[in-house]
Amino acid sequence: MDVNAGAVAEVLRQHDFPILIHGHTHRPAHHRLDVDGRPCERWVLSDWRDSAPYLAWTGTELKARELR
């Protein structure tokens, strides 16, 4: 199951921030979306079973990383 696209858009609108990061919905991914003409991102992190996925800020962007 994945999150409701309308609910994601509403959270991004309410907080006036273009990035949403949340825990796993069994569909880890990096989604690029448009909310009211504004480019936004949704990062879905996986669970920690065989590895530990996380996001790292490089100073200019988020990068998916993994501890094994």
Protein backbone atom coordinates (compact mmCIF):
# COMPACT_ATOMS: atom_id res chain seq x y z
CA MET A 1 0.00 0.00 0.00
CA ASP A 2 1.19 3.52 -0.75
CA VAL A 3 0.18 6.90 0.65
CA ASN A 4 -2.64 8.96 -0.79
CA ALA A 5 -1.29 11.38 -3.43
CA GLY A 6 -3.77 14.08 -2.40
CA ALA A 7 -2.67 13.85 1.23
CA VAL A 8 0.99 14.18 0.19
CA ALA A 9 0.20 17.29 -1.85
CA GLU A 10 -1.76 18.80 1.04
CA VAL A 11 1.11 18.27 3.51
CA LEU A 12 3.53 19.94 1.10
CA ARG A 13 1.10 22.87 0.67
CA GLN A 14 0.41 23.26 4.40
CA HIS A 15 4.07 23.40 5.33
CA ASP A 16 5.17 25.35 2.24
CA PHE A 17 8.19 23.11 1.84
CA PRO A 18 9.06 21.13 -1.31
CA ILE A 19 10.37 17.93 0.32
CA LEU A 20 8.55 15.25 2.31
CA ILE A 21 10.51 12.37 3.89
CA HIS A 22 8.68 9.51 5.53
CA GLY A 23 9.10 5.94 6.66
CA HIS A 24 8.48 2.91 4.56
CA THR A 25 5.18 2.04 2.95
CA HIS A 26 6.73 -1.12 1.45
CA ARG A 27 7.50 0.98 -1.64
CA PRO A 28 10.79 2.79 -0.95
CA ALA A 29 11.57 5.29 -3.68
CA HIS A 30 12.34 8.87 -4.59
CA HIS A 31 9.30 10.50 -6.19
CA ARG A 32 9.41 13.78 -8.09
CA LEU A 33 6.06 15.49 -8.26
CA ASP A 34 4.42 18.77 -9.13
CA VAL A 35 2.23 20.49 -6.54
CA ASP A 36 0.43 23.58 -7.79
CA GLY A 37 3.10 24.16 -10.45
CA ARG A 38 5.96 23.77 -7.96
CA PRO A 39 8.48 20.91 -8.23
CA CYS A 40 8.48 18.78 -5.07
CA GLU A 41 10.05 15.54 -3.86
CA ARG A 42 8.84 12.67 -1.71
CA TRP A 43 11.43 10.33 -0.27
CA VAL A 44 10.21 6.99 1.09
CA LEU A 45 12.75 5.20 3.29
CA SER A 46 12.79 1.43 3.55
CA ASP A 47 12.70 -0.62 6.71
CA TRP A 48 15.93 -1.72 8.37
CA ARG A 49 16.28 -5.43 7.80
CA ASP A 50 19.43 -6.39 5.93
CA SER A 51 20.70 -2.82 5.73
CA ALA A 52 19.95 0.66 7.07
CA PRO A 53 18.89 3.09 4.35
CA TYR A 54 19.16 6.80 5.14
CA LEU A 55 19.36 10.19 3.44
CA ALA A 56 22.47 12.34 3.51
CA TRP A 57 22.59 16.06 2.81
CA THR A 58 25.57 16.87 0.56
CA GLY A 59 25.30 20.62 1.01
CA THR A 60 23.30 20.95 -2.18
CA GLU A 61 21.04 17.89 -2.37
CA LEU A 62 19.75 14.79 -0.62
CA LYS A 63 21.40 11.49 -1.54
CA ALA A 64 20.16 8.02 -0.69
CA ARG A 65 22.75 6.02 1.26
CA GLU A 66 22.83 2.66 2.97
CA LEU A 67 24.66 1.13 5.94
CA ARG A 68 25.30 -2.58 5.65
